[in-house]
Amino acid sequence: MANDDVIVRFENVSFEYQYQKPILDEVDFTVRRESKITIMGQNGAGKSTILKLISGDLKPAHGAIHIEKGLTIGVSKQVMPRDQLDLTVRQFFEKDFVGKIYNIDPKIDAVLRVVNLEAPHDRTVRSFSGGQQARLLLAAALIQDPDLLLLDEPTNNLDKAGIEHLTDFLLMYPKSVIVISHDADFLNLFTEGILYLDVFKHKVEQYVGNYYDLLEEISARIEKENRANAQLAKEIQENKEKANFFSHKGGKMRLVAKRMWEKIDEYEDEKVEVRKEDKSIRPFTIPAQDDVVGEVLNISSFTSIRGDKPSVRKCKIALGKHDRLLLVGPNGIGKSTLLESIALGTAKGAKLNPETRVGYYRQDFSTLNFEDTVHHSLESVMDVKNEQTLRSVAAGFLIGKEIINSKIGSISEGQKGLVAFARLVLEKPGLLILDEPTNHINFRHIDVIAEALNNYEGAMVLVSHLPEFVQKIRIDQTLDLT
């Protein structure tokens, strides 16, 4: 358990991005030495913002953030920055040090062993899979052995072995850790406390225990608030009926009625605002292209990567209009590469029906133009431009007036994911290609997304390392790339 030394303290901290509503409003919380803390909250609530405030990448508009003098901080980001994709592994790690480090290679090898990754130091970051890049990001945070480790969605893109390895590491890590994650099972194995960011009040509530403890406490609080308000509503109604009766009488009865109205006002003041929970996206339908005839996709061979050696393997996969294919295999085996080549029409062993419109959800959101506004990004995939339709679809994915005119690059990763799903609804694809579609997505949305995919009437190819998500979806064929 954490000791009593406070290493981070937020004191009346407020923050907002330009042209956007407040993110934090006079927030107070503390982080103690050796603690394992989780930050939770809805997509876009400001979880990553808190990490950036702690690391110093952002400054509060008001209030103060107190960091223990000399505290070293390591940050593992959600996604690999685009300006670092063309760095070699050695350059990627060198950037975290001030000045030239002459013995950095042994340090790199040591930290790569910690994250269970083999990587030649002259290999470029771009050549690694999403899961391998996630391990590089974690390794970059660890290489300086920080006193405080900040992890932003560290399980995204990781396969089962990678998540198990990360969990074991965090259980043994002797210093402080703050994690953002939507993976409740992962969090419950090591979390001792939760910072819950309320998207409605822009406050941070601090809890002791794991995620399931938090759910139980919040549910109990909501039930208690609803029960108290129901009792007050009953008292108010009874007093209103009596007050109305006595108000029509003369003399002292009118004084009795007046006191009753005063009592009603007291009851109204006692009613509490019932806690609001994170919103879920609305149930939605992805319309399928209806003019596709015959076979949609045929895969006769694929390239599998083992170590650094690619090998071509034969297979027999044919997808009709309603068929679903799941690709499986460990990080780095070539799943995302195969999906990309199918979407681009460059896969040598795959033949795509030329009449098929492809809806492609990439785990790194590189199909989105980060300079576009959300509105323009949605409008660009519509055959018929219709503002009412666009706004209605956007609202269903919690894309409101606060962000619809924001640039894609300025919104959170979770919000980018919701924009990507809204685009799929508007473009009406004949083939869905989905690469880790639950990464960055609030757990409350998972069931809604799974239901939409089950109801989709086109063909689909899916990659996902989230078993509970895959189990909710009808799968017709599985292609193991190992």
Protein backbone atom coordinates (compact mmCIF):
# COMPACT_ATOMS: atom_id res chain seq x y z
CA MET A 1 0.00 0.00 0.00
CA ALA A 2 1.02 3.60 -0.54
CA ASN A 3 2.68 5.48 2.29
CA ASP A 4 1.54 8.89 3.55
CA ASP A 5 3.99 11.01 1.54
CA VAL A 6 2.09 13.20 -0.93
CA ILE A 7 3.99 13.53 -4.22
CA VAL A 8 1.29 15.29 -6.30
CA ARG A 9 -1.40 17.67 -5.08
CA PHE A 10 -4.01 19.51 -7.16
CA GLU A 11 -5.31 22.60 -5.36
CA ASN A 12 -8.40 24.32 -6.83
CA VAL A 13 -7.19 23.51 -10.35
CA SER A 14 -9.29 24.71 -13.29
CA PHE A 15 -8.54 24.13 -16.96
CA GLU A 16 -10.23 24.60 -20.30
CA TYR A 17 -9.14 24.41 -23.90
CA GLN A 18 -9.63 27.42 -26.12
CA TYR A 19 -13.18 27.68 -27.51
CA GLN A 20 -14.30 24.67 -25.47
CA LYS A 21 -16.29 24.21 -22.29
CA PRO A 22 -14.39 23.77 -19.00
CA ILE A 23 -12.56 20.48 -18.49
CA LEU A 24 -11.67 20.87 -14.80
CA ASP A 25 -13.41 23.19 -12.34
CA GLU A 26 -11.59 23.87 -9.04
CA VAL A 27 -10.37 20.29 -8.72
CA ASP A 28 -8.61 18.98 -5.59
CA PHE A 29 -6.92 15.59 -5.12
CA THR A 30 -3.66 14.05 -3.94
CA VAL A 31 -1.38 11.22 -5.05
CA ARG A 32 0.76 9.46 -2.46
CA ARG A 33 4.08 7.74 -2.84
CA GLU A 34 3.96 4.10 -4.02
CA SER A 35 0.23 4.35 -4.84
CA LYS A 36 -1.42 2.68 -7.81
CA ILE A 37 -4.14 5.03 -9.05
CA THR A 38 -6.62 4.82 -11.94
CA ILE A 39 -8.23 7.82 -13.65
CA MET A 40 -11.69 7.07 -15.02
CA GLY A 41 -14.33 9.08 -16.86
CA GLN A 42 -16.18 9.45 -20.14
CA ASN A 43 -14.42 9.96 -23.49
CA GLY A 44 -13.45 13.62 -23.72
CA ALA A 45 -13.95 14.28 -20.00
CA GLY A 46 -10.30 15.25 -19.57
CA LYS A 47 -8.45 12.16 -18.31
CA SER A 48 -5.44 12.63 -20.58
CA THR A 49 -5.52 16.33 -19.74
CA ILE A 50 -4.88 15.48 -16.08
CA LEU A 51 -1.78 13.48 -17.03
CA LYS A 52 -0.54 16.39 -19.17
CA LEU A 53 -1.06 18.77 -16.26
CA ILE A 54 0.94 16.49 -13.96
CA SER A 55 3.75 16.09 -16.49
CA GLY A 56 3.89 19.84 -17.12
CA ASP A 57 2.85 19.64 -20.78
CA LEU A 58 -0.15 21.81 -19.86
CA LYS A 59 -0.56 24.58 -17.29
CA PRO A 60 -3.72 25.19 -15.23
CA ALA A 61 -5.83 28.28 -15.91
CA HIS A 62 -6.36 28.69 -12.17
CA GLY A 63 -5.19 26.97 -9.01
CA ALA A 64 -1.91 25.23 -8.31
CA ILE A 65 -0.33 21.84 -8.95
CA HIS A 66 2.26 20.88 -6.36
CA ILE A 67 4.84 18.28 -7.44
CA GLU A 68 7.36 16.95 -4.92
CA LYS A 69 10.75 18.54 -5.51
CA GLY A 70 13.03 16.28 -7.56
CA LEU A 71 10.21 13.89 -8.54
CA THR A 72 10.96 12.17 -11.84
CA ILE A 73 8.00 11.45 -14.13
CA GLY A 74 7.75 8.98 -17.01
CA VAL A 75 4.85 9.25 -19.48
CA SER A 76 3.53 6.51 -21.76
CA LYS A 77 1.18 8.09 -24.31
CA GLN A 78 -1.90 6.49 -25.89
CA VAL A 79 -0.59 6.51 -29.43
CA MET A 80 2.77 6.95 -31.10
CA PRO A 81 3.23 10.62 -32.11
CA ARG A 82 3.27 10.93 -35.87
CA ASP A 83 6.51 12.92 -35.87
CA GLN A 84 8.29 9.97 -34.21
CA LEU A 85 7.23 7.22 -36.64
CA ASP A 86 10.35 7.60 -38.80
CA LEU A 87 12.81 7.52 -35.89
CA THR A 88 14.92 4.44 -35.35
CA VAL A 89 14.50 2.59 -32.06
CA ARG A 90 17.77 4.10 -30.82
CA GLN A 91 16.68 7.64 -31.78
CA PHE A 92 13.29 7.05 -30.18
CA PHE A 93 14.92 6.36 -26.81
CA GLU A 94 17.67 8.97 -27.14
CA LYS A 95 15.09 11.76 -27.36
CA ASP A 96 14.19 11.20 -23.69
CA PHE A 97 17.67 12.10 -22.45
CA VAL A 98 19.35 15.46 -22.19
CA GLY A 99 22.67 15.37 -24.04
CA LYS A 100 24.47 12.47 -25.67
CA ILE A 101 24.15 9.06 -23.98
CA TYR A 102 27.09 6.87 -24.92
CA ASN A 103 25.93 3.65 -23.25
CA ILE A 104 22.30 3.79 -24.26
CA ASP A 105 22.19 0.44 -26.13
CA PRO A 106 22.39 -1.70 -22.96
CA LYS A 107 19.72 0.50 -21.37
CA ILE A 108 17.46 -0.01 -24.40
CA ASP A 109 17.95 -3.79 -24.34
CA ALA A 110 17.16 -3.92 -20.62
CA VAL A 111 13.95 -1.91 -20.89
CA LEU A 112 12.79 -3.83 -23.98
CA ARG A 113 13.12 -7.05 -22.00
CA VAL A 114 10.83 -5.54 -19.38
CA VAL A 115 8.10 -4.96 -21.98
CA ASN A 116 8.74 -8.33 -23.66
CA LEU A 117 9.81 -6.93 -27.02
CA GLU A 118 12.75 -7.75 -29.29
CA ALA A 119 13.69 -4.80 -31.48
CA PRO A 120 16.84 -4.09 -33.52
CA HIS A 121 18.02 -0.60 -32.60
CA ASP A 122 18.22 0.53 -36.23
CA ARG A 123 14.65 -0.51 -37.07
CA THR A 124 12.19 2.35 -37.64
CA VAL A 125 9.24 2.85 -35.32
CA ARG A 126 6.82 2.90 -38.26
CA SER A 127 7.66 -0.72 -39.09
CA PHE A 128 6.28 -2.03 -35.78
CA SER A 129 2.67 -3.12 -35.27
CA GLY A 130 0.27 -1.13 -33.11
CA GLY A 131 0.81 -3.51 -30.19
CA GLN A 132 4.59 -3.33 -30.56
CA GLN A 133 4.44 0.47 -30.69
CA ALA A 134 2.42 0.38 -27.46
CA ARG A 135 5.29 -1.56 -25.86
CA LEU A 136 7.83 0.94 -27.19
CA LEU A 137 5.82 3.78 -25.63
CA LEU A 138 5.81 1.98 -22.29
CA ALA A 139 9.53 1.24 -22.53
CA ALA A 140 10.25 4.91 -23.23
CA ALA A 141 8.46 5.82 -20.00
CA LEU A 142 10.42 3.21 -18.03
CA ILE A 143 13.93 3.79 -19.33
CA GLN A 144 14.64 6.57 -16.83
CA ASP A 145 13.22 4.58 -13.87
CA PRO A 146 10.75 7.33 -12.90
CA ASP A 147 9.33 7.96 -9.42
CA LEU A 148 5.90 8.42 -11.00
CA LEU A 149 4.73 6.47 -14.03
CA LEU A 150 1.84 7.92 -16.08
CA LEU A 151 0.20 5.37 -18.40
CA ASP A 152 -2.47 6.45 -20.89
CA GLU A 153 -4.48 3.42 -22.12
CA PRO A 154 -1.44 1.08 -21.92
CA THR A 155 -3.40 -2.07 -22.86
CA ASN A 156 -4.60 -0.69 -26.20
CA ASN A 157 -3.33 -2.87 -29.06
CA LEU A 158 -1.74 -5.36 -26.65
CA ASP A 159 -2.50 -9.04 -27.08
CA LYS A 160 -3.32 -11.28 -24.11
CA ALA A 161 0.34 -12.09 -23.44
CA GLY A 162 1.23 -8.40 -23.55
CA ILE A 163 -1.50 -7.46 -21.06
CA GLU A 164 -0.45 -10.25 -18.69
CA HIS A 165 3.18 -9.13 -18.89
CA LEU A 166 2.23 -5.49 -18.22
CA THR A 167 0.01 -6.48 -15.29
CA ASP A 168 2.80 -8.52 -13.67
CA PHE A 169 5.19 -5.61 -14.12
CA LEU A 170 2.82 -3.09 -12.51
CA LEU A 171 2.13 -5.39 -9.57
CA MET A 172 5.85 -5.51 -8.85
CA TYR A 173 6.67 -1.88 -9.68
CA PRO A 174 7.82 -0.32 -6.38
CA LYS A 175 6.96 3.28 -7.25
CA SER A 176 3.84 5.33 -8.01
CA VAL A 177 1.65 4.66 -11.03
CA ILE A 178 -1.32 6.57 -12.48
CA VAL A 179 -3.20 4.71 -15.22
CA ILE A 180 -5.97 5.65 -17.63
CA SER A 181 -7.76 2.55 -18.88
CA HIS A 182 -11.22 1.27 -19.82
CA ASP A 183 -10.18 -2.34 -19.09
CA ALA A 184 -11.82 -3.05 -15.72
CA ASP A 185 -10.35 -6.55 -15.30
CA PHE A 186 -6.84 -5.25 -15.94
CA LEU A 187 -7.31 -2.37 -13.49
CA ASN A 188 -8.75 -4.48 -10.70
CA LEU A 189 -5.58 -6.56 -10.43
CA PHE A 190 -3.44 -3.71 -9.13
CA THR A 191 -5.53 -0.55 -8.55
CA GLU A 192 -5.70 0.77 -4.98
CA GLY A 193 -7.59 3.98 -5.66
CA ILE A 194 -9.56 5.80 -8.35
CA LEU A 195 -9.76 9.41 -9.48
CA TYR A 196 -13.19 9.66 -11.11
CA LEU A 197 -13.62 12.64 -13.46
CA ASP A 198 -17.27 13.73 -13.57
CA VAL A 199 -17.92 14.95 -17.12
CA PHE A 200 -21.00 16.90 -15.99
CA LYS A 201 -19.56 18.79 -13.00
CA HIS A 202 -15.89 18.83 -14.17
CA LYS A 203 -14.86 17.70 -10.71
CA VAL A 204 -12.60 14.83 -9.60
CA GLU A 205 -13.88 12.44 -6.95
CA GLN A 206 -11.30 10.34 -5.11
CA TYR A 207 -12.14 6.77 -4.08
CA VAL A 208 -10.30 3.97 -2.30
CA GLY A 209 -10.54 0.53 -3.90
CA ASN A 210 -10.80 -0.86 -7.42
CA TYR A 211 -13.24 -0.22 -10.25
CA TYR A 212 -15.85 -2.69 -9.02
CA ASP A 213 -15.73 -1.04 -5.58
CA LEU A 214 -16.38 2.27 -7.35
CA LEU A 215 -19.39 0.93 -9.25
CA GLU A 216 -20.88 -0.48 -6.06
CA GLU A 217 -20.38 2.78 -4.18
CA ILE A 218 -21.83 4.93 -6.96
CA SER A 219 -24.83 2.61 -7.41
CA ALA A 220 -25.53 2.71 -3.67
CA ARG A 221 -25.30 6.51 -3.69
CA ILE A 222 -27.70 6.87 -6.63
CA GLU A 223 -30.19 4.48 -5.00
CA LYS A 224 -30.00 6.44 -1.73
CA GLU A 225 -30.48 9.78 -3.52
CA ASN A 226 -33.45 8.47 -5.51
CA ARG A 227 -35.02 6.99 -2.35
CA ALA A 228 -34.64 10.25 -0.42
CA ASN A 229 -36.09 12.30 -3.26
CA ALA A 230 -39.03 9.90 -3.65
CA GLN A 231 -39.88 10.31 0.04
CA LEU A 232 -39.62 14.10 -0.23
CA ALA A 233 -41.82 14.07 -3.35
CA LYS A 234 -44.44 12.12 -1.40
CA GLU A 235 -44.32 14.60 1.49
CA ILE A 236 -44.55 17.52 -0.94
CA GLN A 237 -47.61 16.09 -2.68
CA GLU A 238 -49.41 15.36 0.61
CA ASN A 239 -48.71 18.88 1.90
CA LYS A 240 -49.82 20.46 -1.37
CA GLU A 241 -53.17 18.67 -1.16
CA LYS A 242 -53.67 19.78 2.45
CA ALA A 243 -52.49 23.33 1.74
CA ASN A 244 -54.88 23.66 -1.19
CA PHE A 245 -57.74 22.42 1.02
CA PHE A 246 -56.99 24.78 3.93
CA SER A 247 -56.28 27.79 1.69
CA HIS A 248 -59.96 27.87 0.74
CA LYS A 249 -61.01 28.06 4.40
CA GLY A 250 -61.14 31.23 6.38
CA GLY A 251 -59.39 32.53 9.49
CA LYS A 252 -56.71 30.40 11.13
CA MET A 253 -56.95 27.73 8.44
CA ARG A 254 -55.28 30.12 5.99
CA LEU A 255 -52.36 30.47 8.43
CA VAL A 256 -52.11 26.67 8.52
CA ALA A 257 -52.04 26.61 4.72
CA LYS A 258 -49.28 29.25 4.68
CA ARG A 259 -47.12 27.19 7.04
CA MET A 260 -47.68 24.14 4.83
CA TRP A 261 -46.50 26.05 1.73
CA GLU A 262 -43.41 27.10 3.69
CA LYS A 263 -42.84 23.45 4.59
CA ILE A 264 -43.19 22.49 0.92
CA ASP A 265 -40.49 25.03 0.06
CA GLU A 266 -38.24 23.44 2.70
CA TYR A 267 -38.83 19.98 1.23
CA GLU A 268 -38.02 21.30 -2.27
CA ASP A 269 -34.73 22.72 -0.95
CA GLU A 270 -33.87 19.36 0.62
CA LYS A 271 -34.14 17.49 -2.68
CA VAL A 272 -30.72 16.56 -3.99
CA GLU A 273 -29.46 16.43 -7.56
CA VAL A 274 -29.22 12.75 -8.34
CA ARG A 275 -25.76 11.84 -9.58
CA LYS A 276 -25.55 11.61 -13.36
CA GLU A 277 -23.59 8.75 -14.82
CA ASP A 278 -21.57 8.72 -18.02
CA LYS A 279 -23.77 8.75 -21.08
CA SER A 280 -23.66 5.87 -23.51
CA ILE A 281 -23.90 6.39 -27.23
CA ARG A 282 -27.33 5.74 -28.73
CA PRO A 283 -28.06 2.42 -30.45
CA PHE A 284 -27.12 2.83 -34.10
CA THR A 285 -27.24 1.05 -37.44
CA ILE A 286 -24.48 0.94 -40.05
CA PRO A 287 -26.39 0.77 -43.36
CA ALA A 288 -24.85 -1.69 -45.80
CA GLN A 289 -24.20 -0.98 -49.46
CA ASP A 290 -27.12 -2.68 -51.21
CA ASP A 291 -25.81 -3.02 -54.77
CA VAL A 292 -22.98 -5.51 -54.12
CA VAL A 293 -23.54 -8.79 -55.96
CA GLY A 294 -21.63 -12.04 -55.46
CA GLU A 295 -18.38 -12.53 -53.59
CA VAL A 296 -17.15 -9.49 -51.67
CA LEU A 297 -13.63 -10.64 -50.73
CA ASN A 298 -11.45 -13.64 -51.50
CA ILE A 299 -8.16 -14.29 -49.66
CA SER A 300 -5.94 -17.02 -51.11
CA SER A 301 -2.70 -16.12 -49.32
CA PHE A 302 -1.29 -13.75 -46.70
CA THR A 303 2.08 -12.71 -45.30
CA SER A 304 2.93 -13.70 -41.75
CA ILE A 305 5.81 -12.03 -39.84
CA ARG A 306 7.83 -14.23 -37.48
CA GLY A 307 10.67 -12.36 -35.90
CA ASP A 308 11.82 -10.18 -38.78
CA LYS A 309 11.17 -12.82 -41.42
CA PRO A 310 8.04 -12.58 -43.60
CA SER A 311 6.60 -15.78 -44.99
CA VAL A 312 3.74 -16.23 -47.46
CA ARG A 313 1.08 -18.75 -46.44
CA LYS A 314 -1.84 -20.19 -48.38
CA CYS A 315 -5.47 -20.08 -47.23
CA LYS A 316 -9.02 -20.33 -48.60
CA ILE A 317 -11.24 -17.52 -47.39
CA ALA A 318 -14.29 -16.32 -49.29
CA LEU A 319 -16.64 -13.69 -47.90
CA GLY A 320 -20.12 -13.12 -49.22
CA LYS A 321 -22.34 -10.17 -48.45
CA HIS A 322 -23.24 -11.25 -44.91
CA ASP A 323 -20.04 -13.09 -43.87
CA ARG A 324 -17.71 -12.11 -41.00
CA LEU A 325 -14.02 -12.96 -40.66
CA LEU A 326 -11.91 -12.66 -37.49
CA LEU A 327 -8.13 -12.34 -37.79
CA VAL A 328 -6.15 -13.63 -34.80
CA GLY A 329 -2.50 -13.83 -33.81
CA PRO A 330 0.02 -12.13 -31.51
CA ASN A 331 1.28 -8.57 -31.82
CA GLY A 332 3.53 -8.09 -34.83
CA ILE A 333 2.32 -11.11 -36.80
CA GLY A 334 0.87 -8.93 -39.60
CA LYS A 335 -2.86 -8.50 -38.88
CA SER A 336 -3.00 -4.72 -39.31
CA THR A 337 -0.77 -4.91 -42.37
CA LEU A 338 -3.17 -7.39 -44.00
CA LEU A 339 -6.18 -5.21 -43.17
CA GLU A 340 -4.52 -2.14 -44.63
CA SER A 341 -3.53 -3.90 -47.85
CA ILE A 342 -7.09 -5.21 -48.31
CA ALA A 343 -8.52 -1.73 -47.75
CA LEU A 344 -6.06 -0.16 -50.21
CA GLY A 345 -6.46 -2.96 -52.75
CA THR A 346 -2.73 -3.79 -52.68
CA ALA A 347 -2.89 -7.24 -51.06
CA LYS A 348 -1.36 -9.70 -53.52
CA GLY A 349 -3.27 -12.65 -52.11
CA ALA A 350 -6.61 -10.90 -51.69
CA LYS A 351 -9.18 -9.95 -54.32
CA LEU A 352 -11.80 -7.35 -53.45
CA ASN A 353 -15.01 -6.95 -55.44
CA PRO A 354 -14.37 -3.68 -57.32
CA GLU A 355 -17.94 -2.51 -56.75
CA THR A 356 -17.56 -2.75 -52.97
CA ARG A 357 -17.34 0.40 -50.89
CA VAL A 358 -14.97 -0.18 -47.94
CA GLY A 359 -15.48 1.29 -44.46
CA TYR A 360 -12.07 1.15 -42.78
CA TYR A 361 -11.62 1.77 -39.04
CA ARG A 362 -7.89 2.07 -38.31
CA GLN A 363 -6.57 1.73 -34.78
CA ASP A 364 -4.33 4.79 -35.23
CA PHE A 365 -7.09 6.90 -36.89
CA SER A 366 -4.78 7.69 -39.81
CA THR A 367 -7.76 7.55 -42.17
CA LEU A 368 -8.87 10.80 -40.53
CA ASN A 369 -7.40 14.13 -41.58
CA PHE A 370 -6.37 15.71 -38.28
CA GLU A 371 -6.63 19.20 -39.83
CA ASP A 372 -10.29 18.70 -40.77
CA THR A 373 -13.02 19.81 -38.43
CA VAL A 374 -15.25 17.03 -37.12
CA HIS A 375 -18.10 18.46 -39.20
CA HIS A 376 -16.08 18.41 -42.43
CA SER A 377 -14.81 14.89 -41.70
CA LEU A 378 -18.37 13.60 -41.38
CA GLU A 379 -19.71 15.56 -44.33
CA SER A 380 -16.90 14.34 -46.61
CA VAL A 381 -18.17 10.73 -46.58
CA MET A 382 -21.81 11.56 -47.34
CA ASP A 383 -23.13 10.93 -50.85
CA VAL A 384 -25.92 13.43 -50.27
CA LYS A 385 -25.03 16.35 -48.00
CA ASN A 386 -27.76 16.78 -45.42
CA GLU A 387 -27.10 18.89 -42.34
CA GLN A 388 -29.96 17.44 -40.31
CA THR A 389 -28.81 13.87 -40.95
CA LEU A 390 -25.21 14.76 -40.13
CA ARG A 391 -26.14 16.46 -36.86
CA SER A 392 -28.48 13.63 -35.84
CA VAL A 393 -25.86 10.93 -36.43
CA ALA A 394 -23.21 13.02 -34.66
CA ALA A 395 -25.44 13.55 -31.61
CA GLY A 396 -25.96 9.80 -31.32
CA PHE A 397 -22.21 9.45 -30.86
CA LEU A 398 -22.08 12.24 -28.23
CA ILE A 399 -20.62 14.64 -30.78
CA GLY A 400 -22.32 17.85 -29.79
CA LYS A 401 -21.93 21.52 -30.60
CA GLU A 402 -18.94 21.75 -28.25
CA ILE A 403 -16.71 19.66 -30.52
CA ILE A 404 -18.33 19.40 -33.95
CA ASN A 405 -16.41 22.42 -35.22
CA SER A 406 -13.15 21.39 -33.51
CA LYS A 407 -10.25 19.98 -35.50
CA ILE A 408 -9.92 16.20 -35.39
CA GLY A 409 -6.39 16.56 -34.04
CA SER A 410 -7.60 18.54 -31.01
CA ILE A 411 -10.16 16.05 -29.66
CA SER A 412 -9.45 13.04 -27.44
CA GLU A 413 -8.58 9.60 -28.80
CA GLY A 414 -11.92 8.27 -27.56
CA GLN A 415 -13.76 11.04 -29.39
CA LYS A 416 -11.78 10.26 -32.55
CA GLY A 417 -13.07 6.70 -32.26
CA LEU A 418 -16.67 7.93 -32.04
CA VAL A 419 -16.11 10.15 -35.08
CA ALA A 420 -14.76 7.11 -36.96
CA PHE A 421 -17.93 5.13 -36.14
CA ALA A 422 -20.15 8.05 -37.16
CA ARG A 423 -18.35 8.14 -40.52
CA LEU A 424 -19.09 4.42 -41.03
CA VAL A 425 -22.79 5.10 -40.48
CA LEU A 426 -22.75 7.94 -43.03
CA GLU A 427 -20.69 6.22 -45.75
CA LYS A 428 -22.77 2.98 -45.90
CA PRO A 429 -19.99 0.47 -46.70
CA GLY A 430 -20.33 -2.93 -48.32
CA LEU A 431 -17.28 -4.23 -46.41
CA LEU A 432 -16.34 -3.22 -42.88
CA ILE A 433 -12.64 -3.52 -41.99
CA LEU A 434 -12.22 -2.97 -38.26
CA ASP A 435 -8.79 -2.83 -36.62
CA GLU A 436 -9.14 -2.81 -32.81
CA PRO A 437 -12.38 -0.76 -32.85
CA THR A 438 -12.74 -0.73 -29.05
CA ASN A 439 -9.38 0.92 -28.35
CA HIS A 440 -9.87 4.21 -26.48
CA ILE A 441 -13.64 3.61 -26.31
CA ASN A 442 -15.56 4.00 -23.05
CA PHE A 443 -16.64 0.58 -21.76
CA ARG A 444 -20.26 1.83 -21.63
CA HIS A 445 -20.29 1.98 -25.45
CA ILE A 446 -19.01 -1.57 -26.05
CA ASP A 447 -22.38 -3.37 -25.96
CA VAL A 448 -23.97 -0.78 -28.24
CA ILE A 449 -21.15 -1.14 -30.79
CA ALA A 450 -21.31 -4.95 -30.64
CA GLU A 451 -25.07 -4.87 -31.28
CA ALA A 452 -24.60 -2.55 -34.26
CA LEU A 453 -22.00 -4.87 -35.77
CA ASN A 454 -24.27 -7.87 -35.26
CA ASN A 455 -27.05 -6.07 -37.12
CA TYR A 456 -24.79 -4.92 -39.96
CA GLU A 457 -25.83 -6.68 -43.19
CA GLY A 458 -22.59 -6.35 -45.14
CA ALA A 459 -19.32 -8.31 -45.00
CA MET A 460 -16.86 -7.69 -42.18
CA VAL A 461 -13.22 -8.37 -41.30
CA LEU A 462 -12.32 -7.79 -37.65
CA VAL A 463 -9.20 -7.65 -35.48
CA SER A 464 -9.72 -7.31 -31.73
CA HIS A 465 -7.79 -8.38 -28.65
CA LEU A 466 -10.81 -7.83 -26.40
CA PRO A 467 -12.36 -11.31 -25.85
CA GLU A 468 -15.56 -10.07 -24.20
CA PHE A 469 -16.20 -7.87 -27.24
CA VAL A 470 -15.50 -10.60 -29.80
CA GLN A 471 -17.78 -13.01 -27.93
CA LYS A 472 -20.72 -10.66 -28.47
CA ILE A 473 -20.32 -10.69 -32.27
CA ARG A 474 -21.29 -13.38 -34.75
CA ILE A 475 -18.13 -14.68 -36.42
CA ASP A 476 -18.35 -17.06 -39.42
CA GLN A 477 -14.66 -17.72 -40.12
CA THR A 478 -11.38 -17.27 -38.25
CA LEU A 479 -7.98 -16.82 -39.88
CA ASP A 480 -5.03 -17.46 -37.56
CA LEU A 481 -1.90 -15.75 -38.88
CA THR A 482 0.51 -17.60 -36.57
